[in-house]
Every structure is written in structure tokens, then in C-alpha cells.
Amino acid sequence: MGRKSKYSADFNLMIIHETETSGITRTSRKYSLSDHTIRHGLRGRTQLSQWIIGSNESILEDYRSGKRDSEMKGRKTPTVRPSFGNY
């Protein structure tokens, strides 16, 4: 079974809270982050670090379906008719 590629904002906040409240020292923080990433099936330590940064900057967003996000409006191109003059 592969890893989940997208997570909800609630899940992100739960993991961030768990990481912050684990009571680890600064020197062992890397190892604790690795333990969390392995336990929860995240891509890596960087992903969790990005979530923490996003949480601190209040830019953490819930994942939205790609189909809904990629819905594009049709291009509006004017119809240009060639003019050959009065022949």
C-alpha cells in the first residue's frame, strides 16, 4: 500500500500538535520528526517541517480535489474574419 499523497488540514494540525507537545529537546528534534514521519506515512521530514512553518504563518490549507482546482474556463478568442476587400 502506497503513501497517501494529500492530507487534510485537520490531520496536519494533529501531527503538528503531537510534534510540538512531545517534549523533545532541540538536538533530538530531528529524530523525533523522523519518528513522526515514519509513524504517519509522510513523505519525509521536510513535509512535516513545511506543515509547521505553514501553521506558524497561518497558511495551512485543506487539500481540495484536483478536478475542482483544475477546472478552467474556455478561452475567449475573438472571431477574426479575413477581409479581402471589395472584389
PDB file of N, CA and C in Angstrom:
ATOM      1  N   MET A   1       0.842  -1.181   0.000  1.00  0.00           N
ATOM      2  CA  MET A   1       0.000   0.000   0.000  1.00  0.00           C
ATOM      3  C   MET A   1       0.882   1.238   0.000  1.00  0.00           C
ATOM      4  N   GLY A   2       0.637   2.157  -0.926  1.00  0.00           N
ATOM      5  CA  GLY A   2       1.443   3.362  -1.041  1.00  0.00           C
ATOM      6  C   GLY A   2       1.070   4.397  -0.003  1.00  0.00           C
ATOM      7  N   ARG A   3       1.895   5.413   0.060  1.00  0.00           N
ATOM      8  CA  ARG A   3       1.624   6.502   1.000  1.00  0.00           C
ATOM      9  C   ARG A   3       0.531   7.399   0.462  1.00  0.00           C
ATOM     10  N   LYS A   4      -0.174   8.028   1.365  1.00  0.00           N
ATOM     11  CA  LYS A   4      -1.215   8.973   0.978  1.00  0.00           C
ATOM     12  C   LYS A   4      -0.529  10.247   0.490  1.00  0.00           C
ATOM     13  N   SER A   5      -0.969  10.777  -0.634  1.00  0.00           N
ATOM     14  CA  SER A   5      -0.279  11.927  -1.211  1.00  0.00           C
ATOM     15  C   SER A   5      -0.791  13.267  -0.684  1.00  0.00           C
ATOM     16  N   LYS A   6      -2.012  13.327  -0.192  1.00  0.00           N
ATOM     17  CA  LYS A   6      -2.565  14.584   0.319  1.00  0.00           C
ATOM     18  C   LYS A   6      -3.221  14.335   1.671  1.00  0.00           C
ATOM     19  N   TYR A   7      -3.151  15.321   2.532  1.00  0.00           N
ATOM     20  CA  TYR A   7      -3.706  15.205   3.873  1.00  0.00           C
ATOM     21  C   TYR A   7      -4.602  16.403   4.153  1.00  0.00           C
ATOM     22  N   SER A   8      -5.602  16.203   5.000  1.00  0.00           N
ATOM     23  CA  SER A   8      -6.498  17.303   5.357  1.00  0.00           C
ATOM     24  C   SER A   8      -5.798  18.244   6.334  1.00  0.00           C
ATOM     25  N   ALA A   9      -6.323  19.454   6.449  1.00  0.00           N
ATOM     26  CA  ALA A   9      -5.761  20.433   7.380  1.00  0.00           C
ATOM     27  C   ALA A   9      -5.884  19.933   8.817  1.00  0.00           C
ATOM     28  N   ASP A  10      -6.973  19.241   9.139  1.00  0.00           N
ATOM     29  CA  ASP A  10      -7.144  18.699  10.493  1.00  0.00           C
ATOM     30  C   ASP A  10      -6.053  17.691  10.816  1.00  0.00           C
ATOM     31  N   PHE A  11      -5.737  16.827   9.857  1.00  0.00           N
ATOM     32  CA  PHE A  11      -4.687  15.834  10.065  1.00  0.00           C
ATOM     33  C   PHE A  11      -3.343  16.536  10.247  1.00  0.00           C
ATOM     34  N   ASN A  12      -3.065  17.546   9.404  1.00  0.00           N
ATOM     35  CA  ASN A  12      -1.817  18.297   9.519  1.00  0.00           C
ATOM     36  C   ASN A  12      -1.677  18.908  10.911  1.00  0.00           C
ATOM     37  N   LEU A  13      -2.738  19.560  11.382  1.00  0.00           N
ATOM     38  CA  LEU A  13      -2.688  20.204  12.699  1.00  0.00           C
ATOM     39  C   LEU A  13      -2.518  19.191  13.819  1.00  0.00           C
ATOM     40  N   MET A  14      -3.134  18.016  13.683  1.00  0.00           N
ATOM     41  CA  MET A  14      -2.983  16.972  14.694  1.00  0.00           C
ATOM     42  C   MET A  14      -1.520  16.538  14.793  1.00  0.00           C
ATOM     43  N   ILE A  15      -0.871  16.332  13.654  1.00  0.00           N
ATOM     44  CA  ILE A  15       0.528  15.907  13.648  1.00  0.00           C
ATOM     45  C   ILE A  15       1.424  17.012  14.193  1.00  0.00           C
ATOM     46  N   ILE A  16       1.166  18.261  13.803  1.00  0.00           N
ATOM     47  CA  ILE A  16       1.961  19.383  14.307  1.00  0.00           C
ATOM     48  C   ILE A  16       1.833  19.478  15.821  1.00  0.00           C
ATOM     49  N   HIS A  17       0.616  19.376  16.327  1.00  0.00           N
ATOM     50  CA  HIS A  17       0.390  19.447  17.772  1.00  0.00           C
ATOM     51  C   HIS A  17       1.126  18.311  18.482  1.00  0.00           C
ATOM     52  N   GLU A  18       1.038  17.116  17.931  1.00  0.00           N
ATOM     53  CA  GLU A  18       1.722  15.963  18.529  1.00  0.00           C
ATOM     54  C   GLU A  18       3.227  16.185  18.556  1.00  0.00           C
ATOM     55  N   THR A  19       3.765  16.763  17.487  1.00  0.00           N
ATOM     56  CA  THR A  19       5.200  17.024  17.419  1.00  0.00           C
ATOM     57  C   THR A  19       5.616  18.068  18.446  1.00  0.00           C
ATOM     58  N   GLU A  20       4.825  19.130  18.567  1.00  0.00           N
ATOM     59  CA  GLU A  20       5.175  20.212  19.487  1.00  0.00           C
ATOM     60  C   GLU A  20       5.029  19.812  20.949  1.00  0.00           C
ATOM     61  N   THR A  21       4.119  18.911  21.260  1.00  0.00           N
ATOM     62  CA  THR A  21       3.877  18.542  22.656  1.00  0.00           C
ATOM     63  C   THR A  21       4.635  17.300  23.096  1.00  0.00           C
ATOM     64  N   SER A  22       5.507  16.793  22.241  1.00  0.00           N
ATOM     65  CA  SER A  22       6.214  15.566  22.616  1.00  0.00           C
ATOM     66  C   SER A  22       7.333  15.813  23.621  1.00  0.00           C
ATOM     67  N   GLY A  23       7.640  17.077  23.922  1.00  0.00           N
ATOM     68  CA  GLY A  23       8.612  17.398  24.962  1.00  0.00           C
ATOM     69  C   GLY A  23      10.037  17.020  24.613  1.00  0.00           C
ATOM     70  N   ILE A  24      10.452  17.225  23.381  1.00  0.00           N
ATOM     71  CA  ILE A  24      11.794  16.837  22.964  1.00  0.00           C
ATOM     72  C   ILE A  24      12.715  18.040  22.984  1.00  0.00           C
ATOM     73  N   THR A  25      13.991  17.779  23.135  1.00  0.00           N
ATOM     74  CA  THR A  25      14.970  18.869  23.135  1.00  0.00           C
ATOM     75  C   THR A  25      15.312  19.249  21.708  1.00  0.00           C
ATOM     76  N   ARG A  26      15.958  20.373  21.578  1.00  0.00           N
ATOM     77  CA  ARG A  26      16.292  20.863  20.237  1.00  0.00           C
ATOM     78  C   ARG A  26      17.217  19.906  19.487  1.00  0.00           C
ATOM     79  N   THR A  27      18.148  19.302  20.175  1.00  0.00           N
ATOM     80  CA  THR A  27      19.096  18.413  19.495  1.00  0.00           C
ATOM     81  C   THR A  27      18.456  17.122  19.013  1.00  0.00           C
ATOM     82  N   SER A  28      17.429  16.663  19.700  1.00  0.00           N
ATOM     83  CA  SER A  28      16.790  15.409  19.281  1.00  0.00           C
ATOM     84  C   SER A  28      15.545  15.645  18.430  1.00  0.00           C
ATOM     85  N   ARG A  29      15.266  16.902  18.103  1.00  0.00           N
ATOM     86  CA  ARG A  29      14.067  17.215  17.322  1.00  0.00           C
ATOM     87  C   ARG A  29      14.081  16.514  15.968  1.00  0.00           C
ATOM     88  N   LYS A  30      15.228  16.431  15.321  1.00  0.00           N
ATOM     89  CA  LYS A  30      15.312  15.760  14.026  1.00  0.00           C
ATOM     90  C   LYS A  30      14.844  14.315  14.125  1.00  0.00           C
ATOM     91  N   TYR A  31      15.315  13.636  15.150  1.00  0.00           N
ATOM     92  CA  TYR A  31      14.961  12.227  15.281  1.00  0.00           C
ATOM     93  C   TYR A  31      13.483  12.062  15.596  1.00  0.00           C
ATOM     94  N   SER A  32      12.929  12.961  16.389  1.00  0.00           N
ATOM     95  CA  SER A  32      11.511  12.893  16.708  1.00  0.00           C
ATOM     96  C   SER A  32      10.674  13.143  15.456  1.00  0.00           C
ATOM     97  N   LEU A  33      11.092  14.109  14.640  1.00  0.00           N
ATOM     98  CA  LEU A  33      10.378  14.363  13.394  1.00  0.00           C
ATOM     99  C   LEU A  33      10.420  13.138  12.498  1.00  0.00           C
ATOM    100  N   SER A  34      11.570  12.476  12.444  1.00  0.00           N
ATOM    101  CA  SER A  34      11.675  11.264  11.631  1.00  0.00           C
ATOM    102  C   SER A  34      10.733  10.193  12.150  1.00  0.00           C
ATOM    103  N   ASP A  35      10.656  10.051  13.472  1.00  0.00           N
ATOM    104  CA  ASP A  35       9.738   9.068  14.053  1.00  0.00           C
ATOM    105  C   ASP A  35       8.298   9.379  13.664  1.00  0.00           C
ATOM    106  N   HIS A  36       7.931  10.654  13.701  1.00  0.00           N
ATOM    107  CA  HIS A  36       6.568  11.042  13.325  1.00  0.00           C
ATOM    108  C   HIS A  36       6.306  10.763  11.849  1.00  0.00           C
ATOM    109  N   THR A  37       7.282  11.061  10.997  1.00  0.00           N
ATOM    110  CA  THR A  37       7.069  10.838   9.568  1.00  0.00           C
ATOM    111  C   THR A  37       6.914   9.363   9.269  1.00  0.00           C
ATOM    112  N   ILE A  38       7.700   8.528   9.904  1.00  0.00           N
ATOM    113  CA  ILE A  38       7.584   7.083   9.690  1.00  0.00           C
ATOM    114  C   ILE A  38       6.254   6.582  10.230  1.00  0.00           C
ATOM    115  N   ARG A  39       5.881   7.021  11.416  1.00  0.00           N
ATOM    116  CA  ARG A  39       4.662   6.541  12.055  1.00  0.00           C
ATOM    117  C   ARG A  39       3.417   6.910  11.252  1.00  0.00           C
ATOM    118  N   HIS A  40       3.405   8.103  10.657  1.00  0.00           N
ATOM    119  CA  HIS A  40       2.208   8.575   9.968  1.00  0.00           C
ATOM    120  C   HIS A  40       2.290   8.456   8.449  1.00  0.00           C
ATOM    121  N   GLY A  41       3.372   7.901   7.917  1.00  0.00           N
ATOM    122  CA  GLY A  41       3.485   7.669   6.483  1.00  0.00           C
ATOM    123  C   GLY A  41       3.666   8.916   5.647  1.00  0.00           C
ATOM    124  N   LEU A  42       4.314   9.935   6.202  1.00  0.00           N
ATOM    125  CA  LEU A  42       4.554  11.154   5.439  1.00  0.00           C
ATOM    126  C   LEU A  42       5.732  10.937   4.494  1.00  0.00           C
ATOM    127  N   ARG A  43       5.893  11.831   3.524  1.00  0.00           N
ATOM    128  CA  ARG A  43       6.973  11.686   2.548  1.00  0.00           C
ATOM    129  C   ARG A  43       8.337  11.815   3.195  1.00  0.00           C
ATOM    130  N   GLY A  44       8.448  12.659   4.189  1.00  0.00           N
ATOM    131  CA  GLY A  44       9.742  12.836   4.830  1.00  0.00           C
ATOM    132  C   GLY A  44       9.700  13.938   5.860  1.00  0.00           C
ATOM    133  N   ARG A  45      10.861  14.188   6.445  1.00  0.00           N
ATOM    134  CA  ARG A  45      10.970  15.188   7.494  1.00  0.00           C
ATOM    135  C   ARG A  45      10.647  16.577   6.959  1.00  0.00           C
ATOM    136  N   THR A  46      10.971  16.826   5.710  1.00  0.00           N
ATOM    137  CA  THR A  46      10.724  18.133   5.112  1.00  0.00           C
ATOM    138  C   THR A  46       9.236  18.447   5.057  1.00  0.00           C
ATOM    139  N   GLN A  47       8.417  17.440   4.742  1.00  0.00           N
ATOM    140  CA  GLN A  47       6.974  17.670   4.648  1.00  0.00           C
ATOM    141  C   GLN A  47       6.415  18.148   5.983  1.00  0.00           C
ATOM    142  N   LEU A  48       6.798  17.504   7.061  1.00  0.00           N
ATOM    143  CA  LEU A  48       6.316  17.911   8.380  1.00  0.00           C
ATOM    144  C   LEU A  48       6.846  19.298   8.739  1.00  0.00           C
ATOM    145  N   SER A  49       8.092  19.566   8.400  1.00  0.00           N
ATOM    146  CA  SER A  49       8.651  20.895   8.662  1.00  0.00           C
ATOM    147  C   SER A  49       7.877  21.971   7.911  1.00  0.00           C
ATOM    148  N   GLN A  50       7.493  21.692   6.662  1.00  0.00           N
ATOM    149  CA  GLN A  50       6.698  22.642   5.877  1.00  0.00           C
ATOM    150  C   GLN A  50       5.347  22.895   6.542  1.00  0.00           C
ATOM    151  N   TRP A  51       4.737  21.838   7.068  1.00  0.00           N
ATOM    152  CA  TRP A  51       3.449  21.990   7.760  1.00  0.00           C
ATOM    153  C   TRP A  51       3.600  22.899   8.977  1.00  0.00           C
ATOM    154  N   ILE A  52       4.687  22.713   9.736  1.00  0.00           N
ATOM    155  CA  ILE A  52       4.914  23.523  10.936  1.00  0.00           C
ATOM    156  C   ILE A  52       5.108  24.986  10.539  1.00  0.00           C
ATOM    157  N   ILE A  53       5.897  25.234   9.499  1.00  0.00           N
ATOM    158  CA  ILE A  53       6.103  26.600   9.017  1.00  0.00           C
ATOM    159  C   ILE A  53       4.779  27.195   8.554  1.00  0.00           C
ATOM    160  N   GLY A  54       4.000  26.425   7.798  1.00  0.00           N
ATOM    161  CA  GLY A  54       2.696  26.897   7.324  1.00  0.00           C
ATOM    162  C   GLY A  54       1.752  27.197   8.465  1.00  0.00           C
ATOM    163  N   SER A  55       1.796  26.373   9.500  1.00  0.00           N
ATOM    164  CA  SER A  55       0.940  26.585  10.665  1.00  0.00           C
ATOM    165  C   SER A  55       1.328  27.872  11.386  1.00  0.00           C
ATOM    166  N   ASN A  56       2.622  28.104  11.517  1.00  0.00           N
ATOM    167  CA  ASN A  56       3.099  29.316  12.178  1.00  0.00           C
ATOM    168  C   ASN A  56       2.746  30.563  11.381  1.00  0.00           C
ATOM    169  N   GLU A  57       2.692  30.442  10.057  1.00  0.00           N
ATOM    170  CA  GLU A  57       2.370  31.582   9.206  1.00  0.00           C
ATOM    171  C   GLU A  57       0.888  31.633   8.854  1.00  0.00           C
ATOM    172  N   SER A  58       0.109  30.711   9.397  1.00  0.00           N
ATOM    173  CA  SER A  58      -1.340  30.632   9.163  1.00  0.00           C
ATOM    174  C   SER A  58      -1.691  30.497   7.689  1.00  0.00           C
ATOM    175  N   ILE A  59      -0.913  29.706   6.955  1.00  0.00           N
ATOM    176  CA  ILE A  59      -1.222  29.484   5.545  1.00  0.00           C
ATOM    177  C   ILE A  59      -1.550  28.024   5.277  1.00  0.00           C
ATOM    178  N   LEU A  60      -1.751  27.256   6.326  1.00  0.00           N
ATOM    179  CA  LEU A  60      -2.071  25.849   6.169  1.00  0.00           C
ATOM    180  C   LEU A  60      -3.490  25.735   5.641  1.00  0.00           C
ATOM    181  N   GLU A  61      -3.644  25.066   4.498  1.00  0.00           N
ATOM    182  CA  GLU A  61      -4.954  24.947   3.876  1.00  0.00           C
ATOM    183  C   GLU A  61      -5.328  23.489   3.725  1.00  0.00           C
ATOM    184  N   ASP A  62      -6.607  23.266   3.667  1.00  0.00           N
ATOM    185  CA  ASP A  62      -7.121  21.931   3.444  1.00  0.00           C
ATOM    186  C   ASP A  62      -6.929  21.578   1.976  1.00  0.00           C
ATOM    187  N   TYR A  63      -6.661  20.321   1.711  1.00  0.00           N
ATOM    188  CA  TYR A  63      -6.492  19.867   0.337  1.00  0.00           C
ATOM    189  C   TYR A  63      -7.830  19.875  -0.376  1.00  0.00           C
ATOM    190  N   ARG A  64      -7.820  20.320  -1.608  1.00  0.00           N
ATOM    191  CA  ARG A  64      -9.030  20.308  -2.420  1.00  0.00           C
ATOM    192  C   ARG A  64      -8.806  19.395  -3.608  1.00  0.00           C
ATOM    193  N   SER A  65      -9.865  18.805  -4.057  1.00  0.00           N
ATOM    194  CA  SER A  65      -9.797  17.888  -5.178  1.00  0.00           C
ATOM    195  C   SER A  65      -9.139  18.545  -6.383  1.00  0.00           C
ATOM    196  N   GLY A  66      -8.247  17.813  -7.042  1.00  0.00           N
ATOM    197  CA  GLY A  66      -7.566  18.339  -8.214  1.00  0.00           C
ATOM    198  C   GLY A  66      -8.519  18.676  -9.332  1.00  0.00           C
ATOM    199  N   LYS A  67      -9.590  17.905  -9.465  1.00  0.00           N
ATOM    200  CA  LYS A  67     -10.554  18.161 -10.526  1.00  0.00           C
ATOM    201  C   LYS A  67     -11.207  19.523 -10.329  1.00  0.00           C
ATOM    202  N   ARG A  68     -11.561  19.835  -9.105  1.00  0.00           N
ATOM    203  CA  ARG A  68     -12.200  21.108  -8.819  1.00  0.00           C
ATOM    204  C   ARG A  68     -11.218  22.256  -9.015  1.00  0.00           C
ATOM    205  N   ASP A  69      -9.945  22.049  -8.644  1.00  0.00           N
ATOM    206  CA  ASP A  69      -8.950  23.104  -8.766  1.00  0.00           C
ATOM    207  C   ASP A  69      -8.539  23.350 -10.210  1.00  0.00           C
ATOM    208  N   SER A  70      -8.562  22.304 -11.023  1.00  0.00           N
ATOM    209  CA  SER A  70      -8.046  22.439 -12.375  1.00  0.00           C
ATOM    210  C   SER A  70      -9.116  22.814 -13.386  1.00  0.00           C
ATOM    211  N   GLU A  71     -10.323  23.046 -12.925  1.00  0.00           N
ATOM    212  CA  GLU A  71     -11.398  23.402 -13.839  1.00  0.00           C
ATOM    213  C   GLU A  71     -11.111  24.776 -14.434  1.00  0.00           C
ATOM    214  N   MET A  72     -10.953  24.790 -15.739  1.00  0.00           N
ATOM    215  CA  MET A  72     -10.620  26.040 -16.416  1.00  0.00           C
ATOM    216  C   MET A  72     -11.785  26.490 -17.282  1.00  0.00           C
ATOM    217  N   LYS A  73     -11.939  27.765 -17.366  1.00  0.00           N
ATOM    218  CA  LYS A  73     -12.934  28.332 -18.261  1.00  0.00           C
ATOM    219  C   LYS A  73     -12.380  28.248 -19.681  1.00  0.00           C
ATOM    220  N   GLY A  74     -13.275  28.199 -20.649  1.00  0.00           N
ATOM    221  CA  GLY A  74     -12.842  28.171 -22.039  1.00  0.00           C
ATOM    222  C   GLY A  74     -12.176  29.474 -22.434  1.00  0.00           C
ATOM    223  N   ARG A  75     -11.277  29.390 -23.379  1.00  0.00           N
ATOM    224  CA  ARG A  75     -10.606  30.602 -23.850  1.00  0.00           C
ATOM    225  C   ARG A  75     -11.575  31.479 -24.615  1.00  0.00           C
ATOM    226  N   LYS A  76     -11.457  32.741 -24.401  1.00  0.00           N
ATOM    227  CA  LYS A  76     -12.292  33.706 -25.117  1.00  0.00           C
ATOM    228  C   LYS A  76     -11.434  34.330 -26.210  1.00  0.00           C
ATOM    229  N   THR A  77     -11.554  33.811 -27.407  1.00  0.00           N
ATOM    230  CA  THR A  77     -10.806  34.382 -28.516  1.00  0.00           C
ATOM    231  C   THR A  77     -11.795  34.991 -29.497  1.00  0.00           C
ATOM    232  N   PRO A  78     -11.517  36.180 -29.951  1.00  0.00           N
ATOM    233  CA  PRO A  78     -12.442  36.821 -30.887  1.00  0.00           C
ATOM    234  C   PRO A  78     -12.402  36.109 -32.239  1.00  0.00           C
ATOM    235  N   THR A  79     -13.537  36.107 -32.888  1.00  0.00           N
ATOM    236  CA  THR A  79     -13.606  35.529 -34.219  1.00  0.00           C
ATOM    237  C   THR A  79     -13.131  36.585 -35.203  1.00  0.00           C
ATOM    238  N   VAL A  80     -12.052  36.289 -35.889  1.00  0.00           N
ATOM    239  CA  VAL A  80     -11.485  37.227 -36.848  1.00  0.00           C
ATOM    240  C   VAL A  80     -11.748  36.676 -38.239  1.00  0.00           C
ATOM    241  N   ARG A  81     -12.444  37.468 -39.033  1.00  0.00           N
ATOM    242  CA  ARG A  81     -12.727  37.051 -40.405  1.00  0.00           C
ATOM    243  C   ARG A  81     -11.787  37.804 -41.339  1.00  0.00           C
ATOM    244  N   PRO A  82     -11.212  37.083 -42.254  1.00  0.00           N
ATOM    245  CA  PRO A  82     -10.296  37.775 -43.171  1.00  0.00           C
ATOM    246  C   PRO A  82     -11.065  38.740 -44.069  1.00  0.00           C
ATOM    247  N   SER A  83     -10.488  39.880 -44.284  1.00  0.00           N
ATOM    248  CA  SER A  83     -11.123  40.845 -45.189  1.00  0.00           C
ATOM    249  C   SER A  83     -10.308  40.887 -46.471  1.00  0.00           C
ATOM    250  N   PHE A  84     -10.984  40.618 -47.566  1.00  0.00           N
ATOM    251  CA  PHE A  84     -10.313  40.606 -48.856  1.00  0.00           C
ATOM    252  C   PHE A  84     -10.652  41.852 -49.669  1.00  0.00           C
ATOM    253  N   GLY A  85     -11.318  42.772 -49.086  1.00  0.00           N
ATOM    254  CA  GLY A  85     -11.697  43.988 -49.790  1.00  0.00           C
ATOM    255  C   GLY A  85     -12.914  43.754 -50.677  1.00  0.00           C
ATOM    256  N   ASN A  86     -13.247  44.698 -51.492  1.00  0.00           N
ATOM    257  CA  ASN A  86     -14.399  44.589 -52.402  1.00  0.00           C
ATOM    258  C   ASN A  86     -13.933  44.109 -53.766  1.00  0.00           C
ATOM    259  N   TYR A  87     -14.046  42.859 -54.043  1.00  0.00           N
ATOM    260  CA  TYR A  87     -13.665  42.325 -55.354  1.00  0.00           C
ATOM    261  C   TYR A  87     -14.860  41.917 -56.109  1.00  0.00           C
TER     262      TYR A  87
END
